[in-house]
């Protein structure tokens, strides 16, 4: 009995000793982490807010108005009073009296994402608020996203969560993450930081024709995306985005983007790897993430290479980009050079194409190259409106090795050149979204072995408006009109098509989770079809 008791007490005592040491270490680590978080907030977040936001949102803003005209002074003070009431900013965060910091951070994120803060109008009329630079926006967004979730956690656990400006944190209180959203370990400016992001969606869809609806209904797992982002100091960045696609019997993991970047300045950064090609607002901003776009579906002609798109949206090679200030305006550029694509064809054995898919040669294997470039002009650098143009040169060949019946047919070609021209108009603020893009695909390029048609076009136009808070109806029309004689569009099995879609989006938790419902009417010469889709999407 004594031996049994001794064998039990010894490991139990050892466990208690280790638990005591572990608890003491965790408390000390938490306290030191809190000190570092406060220091980072004071050093990195406050200077940005004071430079661009405190003119309107600080408690003493109204007292700083020096305008002599009493009418104009009263008007400015009224604006500042409203700004401070809607989103107060002080030396500490959250500010005194802010009962729901998570909600405040949600609106803060939306304002920065949509470019409505600081407002260009306030700066031009009253000299209030300096524009946020792109690096400052990234720092604020990362910090706000991470801390919004932390506040939700702390609220659920009934904990007090603060960040102090310069005076440190009170003992026993929980401290949020650092200003860039990373762990607040003791890092210098050249240390390594990594973040993980997860996006996904789930659909329930009804399918049918214009004569009979619905014919079929399905639950669908959409794309699940896992993204790793990292920085080493202020100049070296990396990005690794992977997609889990659920089609067929087994899920498949595919690489979307893989980039290593060196930032020389805001005017020039150079990346190597795989990225979305430099054309189109949609392709550069949304891509694989359903949560980030207002709608459920992308414009059908801009889908991924393996999902029915008419152009390779990815490129493997070199990417250069930057932004130049032009007074209150800005001009951004993006340049790509990378591997060109094959079109892999699968036939029905009778000389007809059943399936076509681009191979973008991410792993090499081609001497042909693609070049792309995009320019984006913003009349107000921090505003909601932009105009863009883009062009790309590509060279295509088909691979018919899987079906010898396709060899020698018009879809079997070795070297077809394409010049893409694109124009875009974008307006996105806190309430209104207007997106439009037009494409021309010229497949008749001098010097190429195969000649196509210069008359292939596509466009989409989208309108969305926040009718109620976090509730946004939307509508879009999209069209593809290829020349029936063009060998590339014949190989892709693409014909004239028009789609009309309308729907609603409800942001359950802004920047984290949403519900969508969307109706699509698809018009083809072969017959019309209809789809009704509901989706839950998330991202964090």
Protein backbone atom coordinates (compact mmCIF):
# COMPACT_ATOMS: atom_id res chain seq x y z
CA UNK A 1 0.00 0.00 0.00
CA UNK A 2 2.83 2.38 0.91
CA UNK A 3 4.64 1.62 -2.34
CA UNK A 4 1.45 2.18 -4.30
CA UNK A 5 0.86 5.49 -2.53
CA UNK A 6 4.46 6.58 -3.09
CA UNK A 7 4.26 5.70 -6.80
CA UNK A 8 1.14 7.83 -7.06
CA UNK A 9 2.28 10.82 -5.01
CA UNK A 10 5.61 11.26 -6.77
CA UNK A 11 4.23 11.90 -10.28
CA UNK A 12 1.39 13.96 -8.80
CA UNK A 13 3.84 16.19 -6.91
CA UNK A 14 6.01 16.50 -10.01
CA UNK A 15 2.94 17.54 -11.98
CA UNK A 16 2.07 20.24 -9.42
CA UNK A 17 5.64 21.60 -9.48
CA UNK A 18 5.64 21.77 -13.30
CA UNK A 19 2.19 23.37 -13.27
CA UNK A 20 3.37 26.05 -10.83
CA UNK A 21 6.46 26.82 -12.90
CA UNK A 22 4.42 26.84 -16.10
CA UNK A 23 1.80 29.19 -14.64
CA UNK A 24 4.45 31.59 -13.35
CA UNK A 25 6.19 31.57 -16.73
CA UNK A 26 2.90 32.16 -18.58
CA UNK A 27 1.99 35.11 -16.33
CA UNK A 28 5.39 36.73 -16.81
CA UNK A 29 5.26 36.07 -20.56
CA UNK A 30 1.78 37.60 -20.78
CA UNK A 31 2.88 40.67 -18.86
CA UNK A 32 5.94 41.20 -21.04
CA UNK A 33 3.83 40.59 -24.14
CA UNK A 34 1.41 43.25 -22.93
CA UNK A 35 4.23 45.76 -22.47
CA UNK A 36 5.47 45.08 -25.99
CA UNK A 37 1.95 45.40 -27.45
CA UNK A 38 1.49 48.77 -25.75
CA UNK A 39 4.86 49.96 -26.97
CA UNK A 40 4.10 48.90 -30.56
CA UNK A 41 0.69 50.56 -30.43
CA UNK A 42 2.20 53.78 -29.16
CA UNK A 43 5.03 53.70 -31.71
CA UNK A 44 3.20 52.51 -34.85
CA UNK A 45 -0.57 52.92 -34.64
CA UNK A 46 -0.94 56.24 -32.84
CA UNK A 47 1.38 58.16 -35.22
CA UNK A 48 -0.71 57.02 -38.21
CA UNK A 49 -4.00 57.91 -36.52
CA UNK A 50 -2.70 61.29 -35.37
CA UNK A 51 -1.46 62.10 -38.88
CA UNK A 52 -4.62 61.14 -40.76
CA UNK A 53 -7.55 60.76 -38.32
CA UNK A 54 -7.14 62.88 -35.17
CA UNK A 55 -7.98 66.13 -37.02
CA UNK A 56 -11.62 65.01 -36.91
CA UNK A 57 -11.96 62.15 -34.45
CA UNK A 58 -9.94 63.28 -31.40
CA UNK A 59 -11.68 64.81 -28.33
CA UNK A 60 -9.95 68.18 -28.76
CA UNK A 61 -10.58 68.50 -32.49
CA UNK A 62 -13.33 71.10 -32.14
CA UNK A 63 -11.12 73.31 -29.97
CA UNK A 64 -8.42 73.37 -32.65
CA UNK A 65 -10.59 75.09 -35.28
CA UNK A 66 -9.01 78.51 -35.94
CA UNK A 67 -11.40 79.77 -38.64
CA UNK A 68 -12.51 83.34 -37.93
CA UNK A 69 -15.76 83.25 -39.93
CA UNK A 70 -18.32 82.20 -37.26
CA UNK A 71 -20.67 80.50 -39.76
CA UNK A 72 -17.90 78.42 -41.33
CA UNK A 73 -16.36 77.68 -37.91
CA UNK A 74 -19.70 76.40 -36.58
CA UNK A 75 -20.14 74.20 -39.65
CA UNK A 76 -16.68 72.66 -39.24
CA UNK A 77 -17.24 72.13 -35.52
CA UNK A 78 -20.51 70.36 -36.29
CA UNK A 79 -18.70 68.02 -38.66
CA UNK A 80 -16.01 67.29 -36.06
CA UNK A 81 -18.57 66.71 -33.32
CA UNK A 82 -20.34 64.14 -35.50
CA UNK A 83 -17.03 62.46 -36.42
CA UNK A 84 -15.98 62.13 -32.79
CA UNK A 85 -19.41 60.83 -31.78
CA UNK A 86 -19.46 58.18 -34.53
CA UNK A 87 -15.90 56.97 -34.03
CA UNK A 88 -13.98 58.56 -31.13
CA UNK A 89 -10.19 58.26 -31.09
CA UNK A 90 -8.01 58.89 -28.08
CA UNK A 91 -4.52 58.15 -26.80
CA UNK A 92 -5.70 54.75 -25.61
CA UNK A 93 -7.74 52.07 -27.34
CA UNK A 94 -10.59 51.47 -26.90
CA UNK A 95 -11.59 55.02 -26.14
CA UNK A 96 -13.54 55.83 -23.00
CA UNK A 97 -17.21 55.05 -23.45
CA UNK A 98 -16.75 52.69 -26.42
CA UNK A 99 -19.07 49.87 -25.34
CA UNK A 100 -18.49 47.69 -28.42
CA UNK A 101 -14.88 47.97 -29.67
CA UNK A 102 -15.33 44.99 -32.01
CA UNK A 103 -18.17 46.75 -33.83
CA UNK A 104 -16.16 49.98 -33.97
CA UNK A 105 -13.22 48.12 -35.50
CA UNK A 106 -15.55 46.50 -38.05
CA UNK A 107 -16.68 49.93 -39.29
CA UNK A 108 -13.08 51.16 -39.13
CA UNK A 109 -12.00 48.31 -41.44
CA UNK A 110 -14.81 48.95 -43.93
CA UNK A 111 -13.97 52.66 -44.08
CA UNK A 112 -10.32 51.99 -44.90
CA UNK A 113 -11.08 49.20 -47.41
CA UNK A 114 -13.50 51.37 -49.35
CA UNK A 115 -11.30 54.47 -49.24
CA UNK A 116 -13.86 56.73 -47.56
CA UNK A 117 -11.58 57.68 -44.66
CA UNK A 118 -10.05 60.11 -44.39
CA UNK A 119 -12.48 61.79 -46.82
CA UNK A 120 -10.95 63.71 -49.72
CA UNK A 121 -13.75 66.29 -49.45
CA UNK A 122 -12.83 67.15 -45.85
CA UNK A 123 -9.21 67.63 -46.83
CA UNK A 124 -9.97 69.81 -49.85
CA UNK A 125 -12.62 72.02 -48.22
CA UNK A 126 -11.34 72.27 -44.66
CA UNK A 127 -7.76 70.97 -44.71
CA UNK A 128 -8.63 68.11 -42.37
CA UNK A 129 -6.91 64.72 -42.41
CA UNK A 130 -3.91 63.69 -44.49
CA UNK A 131 -4.36 60.72 -46.88
CA UNK A 132 -3.33 57.26 -45.72
CA UNK A 133 -0.45 55.69 -47.63
CA UNK A 134 -0.79 52.09 -48.83
CA UNK A 135 1.73 50.80 -46.23
CA UNK A 136 -0.19 52.62 -43.47
CA UNK A 137 -3.47 51.08 -44.66
CA UNK A 138 -1.97 47.59 -44.50
CA UNK A 139 -0.68 48.14 -40.96
CA UNK A 140 -4.03 49.50 -39.75
CA UNK A 141 -6.11 46.80 -41.46
CA UNK A 142 -4.00 43.93 -40.13
CA UNK A 143 -4.10 45.37 -36.62
CA UNK A 144 -7.84 46.09 -36.70
CA UNK A 145 -8.82 42.65 -38.08
CA UNK A 146 -6.84 40.74 -35.50
CA UNK A 147 -7.99 42.88 -32.60
CA UNK A 148 -11.64 42.83 -33.67
CA UNK A 149 -11.61 39.04 -33.27
CA UNK A 150 -9.71 39.33 -29.98
CA UNK A 151 -12.36 41.72 -28.61
CA UNK A 152 -15.08 39.27 -29.59
CA UNK A 153 -13.24 36.50 -27.75
CA UNK A 154 -12.66 38.65 -24.69
CA UNK A 155 -16.29 39.77 -24.64
CA UNK A 156 -17.42 36.15 -24.70
CA UNK A 157 -15.10 35.36 -21.79
CA UNK A 158 -16.10 38.52 -19.88
CA UNK A 159 -12.53 39.79 -19.88
CA UNK A 160 -11.29 43.36 -19.94
CA UNK A 161 -9.14 44.05 -23.01
CA UNK A 162 -7.13 47.23 -23.44
CA UNK A 163 -4.26 48.73 -25.30
CA UNK A 164 -2.61 51.65 -23.60
CA UNK A 165 -0.86 54.41 -25.46
CA UNK A 166 2.31 54.97 -23.50
CA UNK A 167 1.65 54.17 -19.85
CA UNK A 168 1.77 50.38 -20.00
CA UNK A 169 -0.97 47.90 -19.18
CA UNK A 170 -2.54 47.26 -15.82
CA UNK A 171 -1.64 43.95 -14.27
CA UNK A 172 -4.10 41.13 -14.92
CA UNK A 173 -5.71 42.64 -18.02
CA UNK A 174 -5.55 40.98 -21.41
CA UNK A 175 -3.60 42.73 -24.16
CA UNK A 176 -4.26 42.56 -27.89
CA UNK A 177 -1.93 41.73 -30.74
CA UNK A 178 0.63 44.06 -32.20
CA UNK A 179 -0.19 46.75 -34.77
CA UNK A 180 0.60 44.54 -37.76
CA UNK A 181 -1.59 41.71 -36.50
CA UNK A 182 1.38 39.52 -35.57
CA UNK A 183 2.41 38.02 -32.27
CA UNK A 184 3.90 40.68 -30.05
CA UNK A 185 7.14 38.87 -29.37
CA UNK A 186 10.21 40.99 -28.95
CA UNK A 187 10.86 41.75 -32.61
CA UNK A 188 13.12 44.23 -34.25
CA UNK A 189 12.37 45.92 -37.54
CA UNK A 190 14.10 43.12 -39.46
CA UNK A 191 12.46 40.12 -37.77
CA UNK A 192 10.31 37.49 -39.43
CA UNK A 193 6.51 37.50 -39.06
CA UNK A 194 3.90 35.08 -40.43
CA UNK A 195 0.11 35.17 -40.59
CA UNK A 196 -2.37 32.49 -41.65
CA UNK A 197 -5.71 33.29 -43.31
CA UNK A 198 -8.58 30.96 -44.12
CA UNK A 199 -11.43 31.53 -46.60
CA UNK A 200 -14.26 29.24 -47.63
CA UNK A 201 -17.87 28.93 -48.68
CA UNK A 202 -20.78 26.47 -48.82
CA UNK A 203 -23.57 26.61 -51.42
CA UNK A 204 -27.05 25.19 -51.93
CA UNK A 205 -28.02 25.50 -55.60
CA UNK A 206 -31.11 24.92 -57.77
CA UNK A 207 -30.60 24.33 -61.51
CA UNK A 208 -33.07 24.23 -64.38
CA UNK A 209 -34.09 25.53 -67.79
CA UNK A 210 -36.38 28.38 -68.81
CA UNK A 211 -39.08 25.73 -69.42
CA UNK A 212 -38.62 23.66 -66.28
CA UNK A 213 -37.25 24.84 -62.96
CA UNK A 214 -35.82 23.37 -60.83
CA UNK A 215 -34.55 20.20 -62.42
CA UNK A 216 -31.74 19.57 -59.94
CA UNK A 217 -30.64 20.79 -56.51
CA UNK A 218 -27.31 20.27 -54.78
CA UNK A 219 -25.26 21.11 -51.73
CA UNK A 220 -21.83 22.28 -52.92
CA UNK A 221 -18.55 22.83 -51.14
CA UNK A 222 -16.90 25.79 -52.81
CA UNK A 223 -13.24 26.68 -52.79
CA UNK A 224 -11.49 26.63 -49.45
CA UNK A 225 -8.40 28.83 -49.51
CA UNK A 226 -5.50 28.81 -47.07
CA UNK A 227 -3.09 31.73 -47.30
CA UNK A 228 0.24 32.22 -45.57
CA UNK A 229 1.72 35.72 -45.58
CA UNK A 230 5.07 36.70 -44.15
CA UNK A 231 7.35 39.70 -43.80
CA UNK A 232 10.99 40.12 -42.93
CA UNK A 233 11.43 43.72 -41.90
CA UNK A 234 9.88 46.34 -44.14
CA UNK A 235 11.23 45.12 -47.46
CA UNK A 236 10.95 41.34 -47.84
CA UNK A 237 7.54 39.68 -48.14
CA UNK A 238 6.24 36.28 -49.17
CA UNK A 239 2.81 34.93 -50.03
CA UNK A 240 1.59 31.34 -50.39
CA UNK A 241 -2.10 30.84 -51.28
CA UNK A 242 -3.51 27.36 -51.78
CA UNK A 243 -6.98 26.22 -52.82
CA UNK A 244 -8.80 23.06 -51.83
CA UNK A 245 -11.31 22.26 -54.59
CA UNK A 246 -14.13 19.78 -54.09
CA UNK A 247 -14.92 18.26 -57.48
CA UNK A 248 -15.15 14.58 -58.24
CA UNK A 249 -14.54 11.93 -55.60
CA UNK A 250 -11.58 13.48 -53.81
CA UNK A 251 -10.69 17.05 -52.84
CA UNK A 252 -7.66 18.47 -54.65
CA UNK A 253 -5.08 20.92 -53.32
CA UNK A 254 -3.94 23.45 -55.91
CA UNK A 255 -1.52 26.36 -55.80
CA UNK A 256 -3.09 29.75 -56.53
CA UNK A 257 -0.32 32.25 -55.79
CA UNK A 258 3.27 31.89 -54.60
CA UNK A 259 5.31 35.09 -54.43
CA UNK A 260 8.56 36.33 -52.96
CA UNK A 261 8.71 40.14 -53.00
CA UNK A 262 11.34 42.79 -52.35
CA UNK A 263 9.99 46.29 -51.71
CA UNK A 264 12.45 48.92 -52.90
CA UNK A 265 9.97 51.77 -52.36
CA UNK A 266 6.23 52.51 -52.73
CA UNK A 267 7.05 53.29 -56.37
CA UNK A 268 8.74 49.95 -57.11
CA UNK A 269 8.53 46.43 -55.77
CA UNK A 270 9.65 43.28 -57.58
CA UNK A 271 8.17 39.80 -57.11
CA UNK A 272 8.98 36.38 -58.49
CA UNK A 273 6.64 33.39 -58.56
CA UNK A 274 3.03 32.74 -59.56
CA UNK A 275 0.42 35.52 -59.43
CA UNK A 276 -2.79 36.69 -61.02
CA UNK A 277 -1.90 38.30 -64.35
CA UNK A 278 -1.87 42.10 -64.60
CA UNK A 279 -5.24 42.76 -66.20
CA UNK A 280 -8.67 43.61 -64.86
CA UNK A 281 -9.87 44.84 -61.50
CA UNK A 282 -11.71 41.59 -60.81
CA UNK A 283 -8.76 39.35 -61.58
CA UNK A 284 -6.39 41.42 -59.46
CA UNK A 285 -8.66 41.88 -56.44
CA UNK A 286 -10.92 38.84 -56.02
CA UNK A 287 -9.78 35.70 -57.79
CA UNK A 288 -10.42 32.65 -55.65
CA UNK A 289 -12.08 34.18 -52.57
CA UNK A 290 -15.88 34.22 -52.72
CA UNK A 291 -16.13 36.12 -49.44
CA UNK A 292 -14.25 39.16 -50.75
CA UNK A 293 -16.52 39.70 -53.77
CA UNK A 294 -20.08 40.99 -53.40
CA UNK A 295 -21.56 38.28 -55.64
CA UNK A 296 -21.43 34.49 -55.45
CA UNK A 297 -20.12 33.91 -58.98
CA UNK A 298 -17.34 35.69 -60.84
CA UNK A 299 -18.04 36.89 -64.40
CA UNK A 300 -18.08 33.58 -66.28
CA UNK A 301 -15.40 34.53 -68.82
CA UNK A 302 -13.00 35.50 -65.98
CA UNK A 303 -13.18 32.17 -64.16
CA UNK A 304 -10.03 30.17 -63.50
CA UNK A 305 -8.25 28.26 -66.27
CA UNK A 306 -9.76 24.93 -65.17
CA UNK A 307 -13.25 26.33 -64.58
CA UNK A 308 -14.34 27.59 -68.00
CA UNK A 309 -12.48 30.92 -68.23
CA UNK A 310 -11.42 32.15 -71.68
CA UNK A 311 -7.99 33.48 -70.70
CA UNK A 312 -5.23 32.25 -68.35
CA UNK A 313 -5.70 34.36 -65.22
CA UNK A 314 -2.40 33.19 -63.67
CA UNK A 315 1.17 33.89 -64.70
CA UNK A 316 4.46 32.38 -63.52
CA UNK A 317 7.46 34.67 -63.80
CA UNK A 318 8.33 38.21 -62.70
CA UNK A 319 5.97 40.90 -61.42
CA UNK A 320 6.79 44.59 -60.93
CA UNK A 321 4.38 47.11 -59.42
CA UNK A 322 4.20 50.45 -57.67
CA UNK A 323 2.26 53.68 -57.19
CA UNK A 324 3.29 57.26 -57.98
CA UNK A 325 1.60 60.26 -56.31
CA UNK A 326 0.47 63.01 -58.70
CA UNK A 327 -0.66 65.84 -56.45
CA UNK A 328 -3.81 64.58 -54.74
CA UNK A 329 -4.08 61.85 -57.40
CA UNK A 330 -2.14 58.65 -57.94
CA UNK A 331 -1.04 56.42 -60.81
CA UNK A 332 -0.39 52.74 -60.16
CA UNK A 333 1.21 50.23 -62.50
CA UNK A 334 1.62 46.44 -62.71
CA UNK A 335 3.91 44.59 -65.14
CA UNK A 336 4.23 40.83 -65.76
CA UNK A 337 6.53 38.60 -67.78
CA UNK A 338 6.11 34.84 -67.62
CA UNK A 339 5.44 31.52 -69.32
CA UNK A 340 2.80 31.21 -72.02
CA UNK A 341 0.07 28.55 -72.09
CA UNK A 342 -1.02 25.38 -73.83
CA UNK A 343 -4.69 24.52 -74.26
CA UNK A 344 -5.15 20.86 -73.33
CA UNK A 345 -8.09 19.40 -75.26
CA UNK A 346 -10.16 16.32 -74.52
CA UNK A 347 -12.43 15.10 -77.31
CA UNK A 348 -15.36 12.72 -77.73
CA UNK A 349 -13.53 10.52 -80.23
CA UNK A 350 -15.42 12.00 -83.18
CA UNK A 351 -13.45 15.21 -83.64
CA UNK A 352 -15.47 17.32 -81.19
CA UNK A 353 -14.04 19.06 -78.12
CA UNK A 354 -15.59 17.95 -74.83
CA UNK A 355 -13.28 19.76 -72.42
CA UNK A 356 -10.56 22.43 -72.67
CA UNK A 357 -8.15 23.54 -69.96
CA UNK A 358 -5.21 25.96 -69.94
CA UNK A 359 -1.81 24.71 -68.79
CA UNK A 360 0.02 27.83 -67.58
CA UNK A 361 3.40 26.05 -67.25
CA UNK A 362 3.98 26.99 -63.63
CA UNK A 363 6.80 24.45 -63.63
CA UNK A 364 8.36 25.55 -66.91
CA UNK A 365 8.42 23.57 -70.15
CA UNK A 366 7.89 26.32 -72.75
CA UNK A 367 10.02 28.88 -74.56
CA UNK A 368 7.03 31.07 -75.41
CA UNK A 369 6.38 34.00 -73.08
CA UNK A 370 3.46 36.19 -72.08
CA UNK A 371 3.71 39.89 -71.20
CA UNK A 372 1.05 41.95 -69.42
CA UNK A 373 0.73 45.49 -68.06
CA UNK A 374 -1.93 47.49 -66.23
CA UNK A 375 -2.30 51.18 -65.29
CA UNK A 376 -4.74 52.49 -62.67
CA UNK A 377 -5.45 56.21 -62.21
CA UNK A 378 -7.20 57.50 -59.10
CA UNK A 379 -8.26 61.19 -59.27
CA UNK A 380 -8.12 61.23 -55.47
CA UNK A 381 -5.35 58.98 -54.16
CA UNK A 382 -7.46 57.94 -51.17
CA UNK A 383 -10.77 58.15 -53.02
CA UNK A 384 -13.30 55.60 -54.21
CA UNK A 385 -13.08 56.15 -57.98
CA UNK A 386 -10.50 54.72 -60.37
CA UNK A 387 -9.97 54.18 -64.09
CA UNK A 388 -7.76 51.44 -65.47
CA UNK A 389 -6.42 50.05 -68.73
CA UNK A 390 -4.47 46.87 -69.40
CA UNK A 391 -2.93 44.90 -72.23
CA UNK A 392 -1.40 41.45 -72.55
CA UNK A 393 0.37 39.50 -75.29
CA UNK A 394 0.08 35.73 -75.21
CA UNK A 395 0.98 32.81 -77.49
CA UNK A 396 -1.11 29.65 -77.48
CA UNK A 397 -0.83 26.11 -78.81
CA UNK A 398 -3.18 23.17 -78.33
CA UNK A 399 -2.34 19.73 -77.01
CA UNK A 400 -4.53 17.09 -78.69
CA UNK A 401 -2.48 14.07 -77.63
CA UNK A 402 -5.35 12.67 -75.54
CA UNK A 403 -7.59 12.34 -78.62
CA UNK A 404 -6.06 11.70 -82.04
CA UNK A 405 -9.42 12.46 -83.71
CA UNK A 406 -8.83 16.15 -82.93
CA UNK A 407 -5.51 16.22 -84.79
CA UNK A 408 -5.67 18.16 -88.05
CA UNK A 409 -8.96 19.87 -87.16
CA UNK A 410 -9.26 23.69 -86.85
CA UNK A 411 -8.80 23.42 -83.07
CA UNK A 412 -5.39 21.76 -83.53
CA UNK A 413 -2.93 24.66 -83.89
CA UNK A 414 0.70 25.25 -82.92
CA UNK A 415 1.23 29.01 -82.55
CA UNK A 416 -1.60 31.53 -82.18
CA UNK A 417 -0.87 35.02 -80.88
CA UNK A 418 -3.34 37.08 -78.87
CA UNK A 419 -3.34 40.77 -77.91
CA UNK A 420 -5.71 41.51 -75.06
CA UNK A 421 -6.98 45.04 -74.44
CA UNK A 422 -8.96 45.85 -71.29
CA UNK A 423 -10.59 48.95 -69.83
CA UNK A 424 -12.16 49.31 -66.39
CA UNK A 425 -14.18 51.75 -64.32
CA UNK A 426 -14.48 51.27 -60.57
CA UNK A 427 -16.30 53.15 -57.82
CA UNK A 428 -16.42 51.59 -54.35
CA UNK A 429 -17.26 53.42 -51.15
CA UNK A 430 -18.97 52.41 -47.93
CA UNK A 431 -22.41 52.18 -49.56
CA UNK A 432 -22.13 52.08 -53.36
CA UNK A 433 -20.25 49.73 -55.69
CA UNK A 434 -20.03 50.22 -59.47
CA UNK A 435 -17.76 47.88 -61.44
CA UNK A 436 -17.33 47.64 -65.19
CA UNK A 437 -14.77 46.01 -67.48
CA UNK A 438 -14.55 45.61 -71.26
CA UNK A 439 -12.25 43.16 -73.08
CA UNK A 440 -11.17 42.77 -76.68
CA UNK A 441 -9.28 39.60 -77.69
CA UNK A 442 -7.40 40.11 -80.95
CA UNK A 443 -6.25 36.68 -82.17
CA UNK A 444 -4.93 37.94 -85.50
CA UNK A 445 -1.30 38.83 -84.79
CA UNK A 446 1.16 39.27 -87.64
CA UNK A 447 3.96 36.70 -87.81
CA UNK A 448 2.07 33.95 -85.97
CA UNK A 449 1.60 30.56 -87.64
CA UNK A 450 -2.13 30.47 -86.83
CA UNK A 451 -4.38 33.46 -87.52
CA UNK A 452 -7.63 33.99 -85.65
CA UNK A 453 -10.13 36.84 -85.48
CA UNK A 454 -9.66 40.33 -84.01
CA UNK A 455 -13.37 40.57 -83.20
CA UNK A 456 -13.80 38.73 -79.89
CA UNK A 457 -15.23 40.80 -77.03
CA UNK A 458 -16.48 40.45 -73.47
CA UNK A 459 -17.77 42.77 -70.76
CA UNK A 460 -19.53 42.92 -67.42
CA UNK A 461 -21.23 45.73 -65.49
CA UNK A 462 -22.14 45.41 -61.81
CA UNK A 463 -24.06 47.63 -59.41
CA UNK A 464 -24.50 47.14 -55.66
CA UNK A 465 -25.88 49.43 -52.96
CA UNK A 466 -26.03 49.10 -49.17
CA UNK A 467 -29.78 49.61 -48.76
CA UNK A 468 -29.71 48.80 -45.04
CA UNK A 469 -26.73 48.44 -42.73
CA UNK A 470 -24.72 45.39 -43.84
CA UNK A 471 -27.49 44.45 -46.34
CA UNK A 472 -26.57 44.94 -50.00
CA UNK A 473 -28.69 44.13 -53.09
CA UNK A 474 -26.78 43.82 -56.37
CA UNK A 475 -27.23 43.28 -60.10
CA UNK A 476 -24.83 42.34 -62.91
CA UNK A 477 -24.95 41.73 -66.65
CA UNK A 478 -22.10 39.99 -68.48
CA UNK A 479 -21.50 38.97 -72.06
CA UNK A 480 -19.02 37.09 -74.25
CA UNK A 481 -19.20 37.48 -78.04
CA UNK A 482 -16.49 35.47 -79.83
CA UNK A 483 -16.11 35.18 -83.60
CA UNK A 484 -17.45 31.76 -84.57
CA UNK A 485 -14.48 31.25 -86.93
CA UNK A 486 -11.79 31.92 -84.28
CA UNK A 487 -9.74 28.73 -83.68
CA UNK A 488 -8.92 29.55 -80.03
CA UNK A 489 -12.55 30.09 -79.01
CA UNK A 490 -13.50 26.99 -81.02
CA UNK A 491 -10.92 25.02 -79.05
CA UNK A 492 -12.30 26.43 -75.79
CA UNK A 493 -15.81 25.50 -76.96
CA UNK A 494 -16.99 29.04 -76.21
CA UNK A 495 -19.97 30.59 -77.98
CA UNK A 496 -21.91 33.82 -77.58
CA UNK A 497 -23.38 33.96 -74.09
CA UNK A 498 -25.14 36.56 -71.94
CA UNK A 499 -25.84 36.24 -68.22
CA UNK A 500 -28.06 38.34 -65.98
CA UNK A 501 -27.79 37.94 -62.24
CA UNK A 502 -29.24 39.64 -59.21
CA UNK A 503 -29.00 38.95 -55.53
CA UNK A 504 -28.54 40.16 -51.98
CA UNK A 505 -25.64 39.97 -49.54
CA UNK A 506 -25.96 40.20 -45.78
CA UNK A 507 -22.77 40.70 -43.77
CA UNK A 508 -23.47 38.77 -40.58
CA UNK A 509 -20.13 39.85 -39.13
CA UNK A 510 -18.51 42.54 -41.33
CA UNK A 511 -15.14 41.42 -42.73
CA UNK A 512 -15.64 37.89 -41.31
CA UNK A 513 -18.83 36.16 -42.47
CA UNK A 514 -21.75 36.73 -44.85
CA UNK A 515 -24.82 35.12 -46.43
CA UNK A 516 -25.74 35.57 -50.11
CA UNK A 517 -28.66 34.64 -52.35
CA UNK A 518 -28.30 34.97 -56.13
CA UNK A 519 -30.45 34.27 -59.19
CA UNK A 520 -28.80 33.79 -62.60
CA UNK A 521 -30.42 33.72 -66.05
CA UNK A 522 -28.10 32.36 -68.76
CA UNK A 523 -28.89 32.99 -72.43
CA UNK A 524 -27.30 30.80 -75.13
CA UNK A 525 -28.34 30.17 -78.72
CA UNK A 526 -28.72 26.49 -77.80
CA UNK A 527 -31.22 27.33 -75.05
CA UNK A 528 -31.63 29.30 -71.83
CA UNK A 529 -31.05 28.08 -68.30
CA UNK A 530 -31.61 29.37 -64.76
CA UNK A 531 -29.83 28.97 -61.43
CA UNK A 532 -30.78 29.94 -57.88
CA UNK A 533 -27.86 29.88 -55.46
CA UNK A 534 -27.47 30.50 -51.73
CA UNK A 535 -24.07 30.75 -50.08
CA UNK A 536 -22.48 31.11 -46.67
CA UNK A 537 -18.95 32.51 -46.98
CA UNK A 538 -16.31 33.40 -44.43
CA UNK A 539 -12.79 34.78 -44.23
CA UNK A 540 -10.42 35.61 -41.41
